[in-house]
Structures are given as structure tokens and as C-alpha cells.
């Protein structure tokens, strides 16, 4: 029941954002219909519920795209590394998620045994608006080149500032 409520609330929030023109579109994954029903959502699925939230308009579901969708994630690059040189398993990560124009976001999750930090930096036209770390630069290069970065063990030291 909890999963259905969470999924239903996410769909409702996304619909409100789209109807308020705060986002350009909504992308959903398959939803567990029985969980939605147990949570009290009376529609056969989230497509019908989205239609109701939009004012009972006709809706269409797109299952796949033949080619690239401008505005969607077209390029990605992922780099795993050991940020503090004290944890095994390369648990820190930098990922670049870019659209067809090279715009998007670089997200870094830096893990330390006592804490984890998350950083997000906007990218416009292939250029980051804030300075990137070496790992973030590598993720960007890999994304823009359409290739996987080196997967060898990386040892990086970072200041804890």
C-alpha cells in the first residue's frame, strides 16, 4: 500500500508541475496497478489518472522512440573512484547526464566513512557553469564522446572542506 501511495503521489506531483508549466513533460515507468488500487487510486493505471488530472482530456502513451529525443538524456558518462583513498570499492561517483545539445547536469556523490556529500553542477552547451573536479571532467568527456571512461582503480584524495 505504501509503494502505491508513493507512486501515486509522484504521478500527481509530476502532473501538477507539467500543468503549471514548471516542467516540459513527464516520463513514467510501469506502475504496479494493484499497489495503486490498494492505495486508493481509482483508475485502471497511471495513464488514465494523468488524463483525469489534466481535465479528462484524450491522452496517448508512447512506449518507445525510434531515435533520439531532443531534450531527453542523449549522452551519459559515469566515473567511480575512491575520493579519500581510504575506502575500497570506489564508492564515490560522478555522472554526467546531457541532452543532444550537450546541456544537462553533472552529479557527484562523494562517500567518506563518516558522511556522504552530493554535488550537482549545471551544464549548458557542453560547458559547466561551475568548476568541475577531475572526475567530473572525465565523466563529461566520456558523455560528450559517447564512450565509457577508464574503469581502472582510481585513487583520489580530496580535502574535506
C-alpha atoms as a PDB file:
ATOM      1  CA  UNK A   1       0.000   0.000   0.000  1.00  0.00           C
ATOM      2  CA  UNK A   2       2.853   2.381   0.837  1.00  0.00           C
ATOM      3  CA  UNK A   3       4.529   1.795  -2.551  1.00  0.00           C
ATOM      4  CA  UNK A   4       1.246   2.533  -4.335  1.00  0.00           C
ATOM      5  CA  UNK A   5       0.768   5.748  -2.370  1.00  0.00           C
ATOM      6  CA  UNK A   6       4.324   6.878  -3.134  1.00  0.00           C
ATOM      7  CA  UNK A   7       3.935   6.083  -6.855  1.00  0.00           C
ATOM      8  CA  UNK A   8       0.532   7.776  -6.978  1.00  0.00           C
ATOM      9  CA  UNK A   9       1.796  10.880  -5.224  1.00  0.00           C
ATOM     10  CA  UNK A  10       4.762  11.060  -7.632  1.00  0.00           C
ATOM     11  CA  UNK A  11       2.441  10.903 -10.655  1.00  0.00           C
ATOM     12  CA  UNK A  12       0.173  13.555  -9.143  1.00  0.00           C
ATOM     13  CA  UNK A  13       3.117  15.860  -8.382  1.00  0.00           C
ATOM     14  CA  UNK A  14       4.530  15.408 -11.895  1.00  0.00           C
ATOM     15  CA  UNK A  15       1.137  16.219 -13.405  1.00  0.00           C
ATOM     16  CA  UNK A  16       0.814  19.380 -11.330  1.00  0.00           C
ATOM     17  CA  UNK A  17       4.301  20.512 -12.367  1.00  0.00           C
ATOM     18  CA  UNK A  18       3.540  19.871 -16.054  1.00  0.00           C
ATOM     19  CA  UNK A  19       0.151  21.572 -15.919  1.00  0.00           C
ATOM     20  CA  UNK A  20       1.776  24.548 -14.173  1.00  0.00           C
ATOM     21  CA  UNK A  21       4.389  24.637 -16.949  1.00  0.00           C
ATOM     22  CA  UNK A  22       7.191  24.141 -14.429  1.00  0.00           C
ATOM     23  CA  UNK A  23       8.407  21.127 -16.458  1.00  0.00           C
ATOM     24  CA  UNK A  24       8.131  20.413 -20.176  1.00  0.00           C
ATOM     25  CA  UNK A  25       6.960  16.818 -19.919  1.00  0.00           C
ATOM     26  CA  UNK A  26       6.561  13.707 -17.815  1.00  0.00           C
ATOM     27  CA  UNK A  27       8.330  10.372 -18.203  1.00  0.00           C
ATOM     28  CA  UNK A  28       6.960   7.439 -16.228  1.00  0.00           C
ATOM     29  CA  UNK A  29       7.880   3.814 -15.823  1.00  0.00           C
ATOM     30  CA  UNK A  30       5.409   0.962 -15.449  1.00  0.00           C
ATOM     31  CA  UNK A  31       3.446   1.259 -12.210  1.00  0.00           C
ATOM     32  CA  UNK A  32       2.169  -1.656 -10.139  1.00  0.00           C
ATOM     33  CA  UNK A  33      -1.551  -1.251 -10.718  1.00  0.00           C
ATOM     34  CA  UNK A  34      -2.610  -3.385  -7.750  1.00  0.00           C
ATOM     35  CA  UNK A  35      -0.441  -1.269  -5.418  1.00  0.00           C
ATOM     36  CA  UNK A  36      -2.073   1.897  -6.808  1.00  0.00           C
ATOM     37  CA  UNK A  37      -5.546   0.411  -6.220  1.00  0.00           C
ATOM     38  CA  UNK A  38      -4.643  -0.626  -2.645  1.00  0.00           C
ATOM     39  CA  UNK A  39      -3.527   2.964  -2.017  1.00  0.00           C
ATOM     40  CA  UNK A  40      -6.946   4.228  -3.106  1.00  0.00           C
ATOM     41  CA  UNK A  41      -6.291   5.410  -6.656  1.00  0.00           C
ATOM     42  CA  UNK A  42      -9.455   4.514  -8.612  1.00  0.00           C
ATOM     43  CA  UNK A  43      -8.057   4.472 -12.157  1.00  0.00           C
ATOM     44  CA  UNK A  44      -7.019   1.409 -14.216  1.00  0.00           C
ATOM     45  CA  UNK A  45      -3.483   2.797 -14.490  1.00  0.00           C
ATOM     46  CA  UNK A  46      -1.479   5.979 -14.269  1.00  0.00           C
ATOM     47  CA  UNK A  47      -2.147   6.896 -17.928  1.00  0.00           C
ATOM     48  CA  UNK A  48      -5.878   7.181 -17.212  1.00  0.00           C
ATOM     49  CA  UNK A  49      -5.172   9.004 -13.983  1.00  0.00           C
ATOM     50  CA  UNK A  50      -2.971  11.517 -15.814  1.00  0.00           C
ATOM     51  CA  UNK A  51      -5.837  12.091 -18.255  1.00  0.00           C
ATOM     52  CA  UNK A  52      -8.163  12.841 -15.337  1.00  0.00           C
ATOM     53  CA  UNK A  53      -5.654  15.171 -13.667  1.00  0.00           C
ATOM     54  CA  UNK A  54      -5.291  17.039 -16.974  1.00  0.00           C
ATOM     55  CA  UNK A  55      -9.048  17.629 -17.149  1.00  0.00           C
ATOM     56  CA  UNK A  56     -10.262  14.359 -18.677  1.00  0.00           C
ATOM     57  CA  UNK A  57      -8.526  15.008 -21.983  1.00  0.00           C
ATOM     58  CA  UNK A  58      -7.527  12.392 -24.534  1.00  0.00           C
ATOM     59  CA  UNK A  59      -4.067  11.022 -23.798  1.00  0.00           C
ATOM     60  CA  UNK A  60      -1.581   8.867 -25.643  1.00  0.00           C
ATOM     61  CA  UNK A  61       1.144   6.652 -24.290  1.00  0.00           C
ATOM     62  CA  UNK A  62       4.484   6.465 -26.089  1.00  0.00           C
ATOM     63  CA  UNK A  63       6.192   3.153 -25.468  1.00  0.00           C
ATOM     64  CA  UNK A  64       9.438   3.701 -27.357  1.00  0.00           C
ATOM     65  CA  UNK A  65      11.246   6.144 -29.581  1.00  0.00           C
ATOM     66  CA  UNK A  66      12.935   5.166 -32.814  1.00  0.00           C
ATOM     67  CA  UNK A  67      15.640   7.786 -32.499  1.00  0.00           C
ATOM     68  CA  UNK A  68      16.986  10.462 -30.228  1.00  0.00           C
ATOM     69  CA  UNK A  69      14.561  12.707 -28.354  1.00  0.00           C
ATOM     70  CA  UNK A  70      15.838  16.266 -28.095  1.00  0.00           C
ATOM     71  CA  UNK A  71      15.593  17.430 -24.509  1.00  0.00           C
ATOM     72  CA  UNK A  72      15.969  13.878 -23.179  1.00  0.00           C
ATOM     73  CA  UNK A  73      19.177  12.345 -21.887  1.00  0.00           C
ATOM     74  CA  UNK A  74      21.159  11.564 -25.013  1.00  0.00           C
ATOM     75  CA  UNK A  75      24.655  11.182 -23.534  1.00  0.00           C
ATOM     76  CA  UNK A  76      25.923   9.919 -20.210  1.00  0.00           C
ATOM     77  CA  UNK A  77      29.274   9.295 -18.616  1.00  0.00           C
ATOM     78  CA  UNK A  78      29.977   7.617 -15.277  1.00  0.00           C
ATOM     79  CA  UNK A  79      33.196   7.586 -13.245  1.00  0.00           C
ATOM     80  CA  UNK A  80      33.649   5.639  -9.998  1.00  0.00           C
ATOM     81  CA  UNK A  81      36.535   6.416  -7.694  1.00  0.00           C
ATOM     82  CA  UNK A  82      37.901   6.342  -4.161  1.00  0.00           C
ATOM     83  CA  UNK A  83      37.664  10.001  -3.168  1.00  0.00           C
ATOM     84  CA  UNK A  84      39.513   9.789   0.162  1.00  0.00           C
ATOM     85  CA  UNK A  85      41.928   6.946  -0.554  1.00  0.00           C
ATOM     86  CA  UNK A  86      40.618   5.018   2.447  1.00  0.00           C
ATOM     87  CA  UNK A  87      37.637   3.013   1.224  1.00  0.00           C
ATOM     88  CA  UNK A  88      37.732   0.068  -1.116  1.00  0.00           C
ATOM     89  CA  UNK A  89      35.213  -0.423  -3.854  1.00  0.00           C
ATOM     90  CA  UNK A  90      35.348   3.019  -5.481  1.00  0.00           C
ATOM     91  CA  UNK A  91      32.142   4.151  -3.777  1.00  0.00           C
ATOM     92  CA  UNK A  92      32.286   7.788  -4.919  1.00  0.00           C
ATOM     93  CA  UNK A  93      30.664   8.529  -8.265  1.00  0.00           C
ATOM     94  CA  UNK A  94      30.447  11.342 -10.810  1.00  0.00           C
ATOM     95  CA  UNK A  95      27.868  11.102 -13.588  1.00  0.00           C
ATOM     96  CA  UNK A  96      27.197  13.452 -16.494  1.00  0.00           C
ATOM     97  CA  UNK A  97      23.661  13.395 -17.958  1.00  0.00           C
ATOM     98  CA  UNK A  98      23.415  15.515 -21.104  1.00  0.00           C
ATOM     99  CA  UNK A  99      20.846  16.131 -23.818  1.00  0.00           C
ATOM    100  CA  UNK A 100      21.567  16.289 -27.550  1.00  0.00           C
ATOM    101  CA  UNK A 101      22.835  19.882 -27.246  1.00  0.00           C
ATOM    102  CA  UNK A 102      25.348  18.950 -24.515  1.00  0.00           C
ATOM    103  CA  UNK A 103      23.252  20.571 -21.776  1.00  0.00           C
ATOM    104  CA  UNK A 104      22.272  18.864 -18.556  1.00  0.00           C
ATOM    105  CA  UNK A 105      23.817  18.126 -15.206  1.00  0.00           C
ATOM    106  CA  UNK A 106      26.869  16.585 -13.579  1.00  0.00           C
ATOM    107  CA  UNK A 107      26.150  14.934 -10.242  1.00  0.00           C
ATOM    108  CA  UNK A 108      28.848  13.760  -7.845  1.00  0.00           C
ATOM    109  CA  UNK A 109      28.325  11.641  -4.770  1.00  0.00           C
ATOM    110  CA  UNK A 110      31.413  11.720  -2.562  1.00  0.00           C
ATOM    111  CA  UNK A 111      31.465   8.974   0.067  1.00  0.00           C
ATOM    112  CA  UNK A 112      33.542   9.039   3.237  1.00  0.00           C
ATOM    113  CA  UNK A 113      33.260   6.506   6.025  1.00  0.00           C
ATOM    114  CA  UNK A 114      31.505   9.104   8.251  1.00  0.00           C
ATOM    115  CA  UNK A 115      29.467  11.032   5.692  1.00  0.00           C
ATOM    116  CA  UNK A 116      28.361  11.374   2.108  1.00  0.00           C
ATOM    117  CA  UNK A 117      28.047  14.576   0.103  1.00  0.00           C
ATOM    118  CA  UNK A 118      26.120  15.227  -3.075  1.00  0.00           C
ATOM    119  CA  UNK A 119      27.076  17.936  -5.567  1.00  0.00           C
ATOM    120  CA  UNK A 120      25.175  18.988  -8.696  1.00  0.00           C
ATOM    121  CA  UNK A 121      26.508  21.301 -11.388  1.00  0.00           C
ATOM    122  CA  UNK A 122      24.573  22.571 -14.390  1.00  0.00           C
ATOM    123  CA  UNK A 123      25.985  22.182 -17.900  1.00  0.00           C
ATOM    124  CA  UNK A 124      24.881  24.362 -20.838  1.00  0.00           C
ATOM    125  CA  UNK A 125      26.109  23.643 -24.344  1.00  0.00           C
ATOM    126  CA  UNK A 126      28.903  21.365 -23.130  1.00  0.00           C
ATOM    127  CA  UNK A 127      30.246  23.864 -20.572  1.00  0.00           C
ATOM    128  CA  UNK A 128      29.782  23.606 -16.832  1.00  0.00           C
ATOM    129  CA  UNK A 129      28.617  26.726 -15.031  1.00  0.00           C
ATOM    130  CA  UNK A 130      30.859  25.877 -12.040  1.00  0.00           C
ATOM    131  CA  UNK A 131      34.378  24.457 -11.984  1.00  0.00           C
ATOM    132  CA  UNK A 132      34.432  20.667 -12.339  1.00  0.00           C
ATOM    133  CA  UNK A 133      36.582  18.227 -10.406  1.00  0.00           C
ATOM    134  CA  UNK A 134      38.901  15.965 -12.452  1.00  0.00           C
ATOM    135  CA  UNK A 135      36.390  13.111 -12.083  1.00  0.00           C
ATOM    136  CA  UNK A 136      33.506  15.315 -13.201  1.00  0.00           C
ATOM    137  CA  UNK A 137      35.562  16.461 -16.200  1.00  0.00           C
ATOM    138  CA  UNK A 138      36.228  12.814 -17.067  1.00  0.00           C
ATOM    139  CA  UNK A 139      32.508  11.989 -16.840  1.00  0.00           C
ATOM    140  CA  UNK A 140      31.736  14.969 -19.117  1.00  0.00           C
ATOM    141  CA  UNK A 141      34.400  13.923 -21.647  1.00  0.00           C
ATOM    142  CA  UNK A 142      33.062  10.376 -21.684  1.00  0.00           C
ATOM    143  CA  UNK A 143      29.481  11.588 -22.129  1.00  0.00           C
ATOM    144  CA  UNK A 144      30.310  14.005 -24.943  1.00  0.00           C
ATOM    145  CA  UNK A 145      32.486  11.398 -26.676  1.00  0.00           C
ATOM    146  CA  UNK A 146      29.872   8.679 -26.224  1.00  0.00           C
ATOM    147  CA  UNK A 147      32.403   6.318 -24.660  1.00  0.00           C
ATOM    148  CA  UNK A 148      32.936   4.636 -21.306  1.00  0.00           C
ATOM    149  CA  UNK A 149      35.694   6.146 -19.147  1.00  0.00           C
ATOM    150  CA  UNK A 150      38.606   4.066 -17.955  1.00  0.00           C
ATOM    151  CA  UNK A 151      37.433   1.563 -15.369  1.00  0.00           C
ATOM    152  CA  UNK A 152      40.785   1.052 -13.666  1.00  0.00           C
ATOM    153  CA  UNK A 153      41.084   1.621  -9.910  1.00  0.00           C
ATOM    154  CA  UNK A 154      41.305   5.366  -9.238  1.00  0.00           C
ATOM    155  CA  UNK A 155      42.807   6.800  -6.107  1.00  0.00           C
ATOM    156  CA  UNK A 156      41.936  10.447  -5.441  1.00  0.00           C
ATOM    157  CA  UNK A 157      42.492  12.492  -2.336  1.00  0.00           C
ATOM    158  CA  UNK A 158      40.082  15.301  -1.584  1.00  0.00           C
ATOM    159  CA  UNK A 159      40.193  17.892   1.105  1.00  0.00           C
ATOM    160  CA  UNK A 160      37.267  17.570   3.495  1.00  0.00           C
ATOM    161  CA  UNK A 161      36.458  21.281   3.237  1.00  0.00           C
END
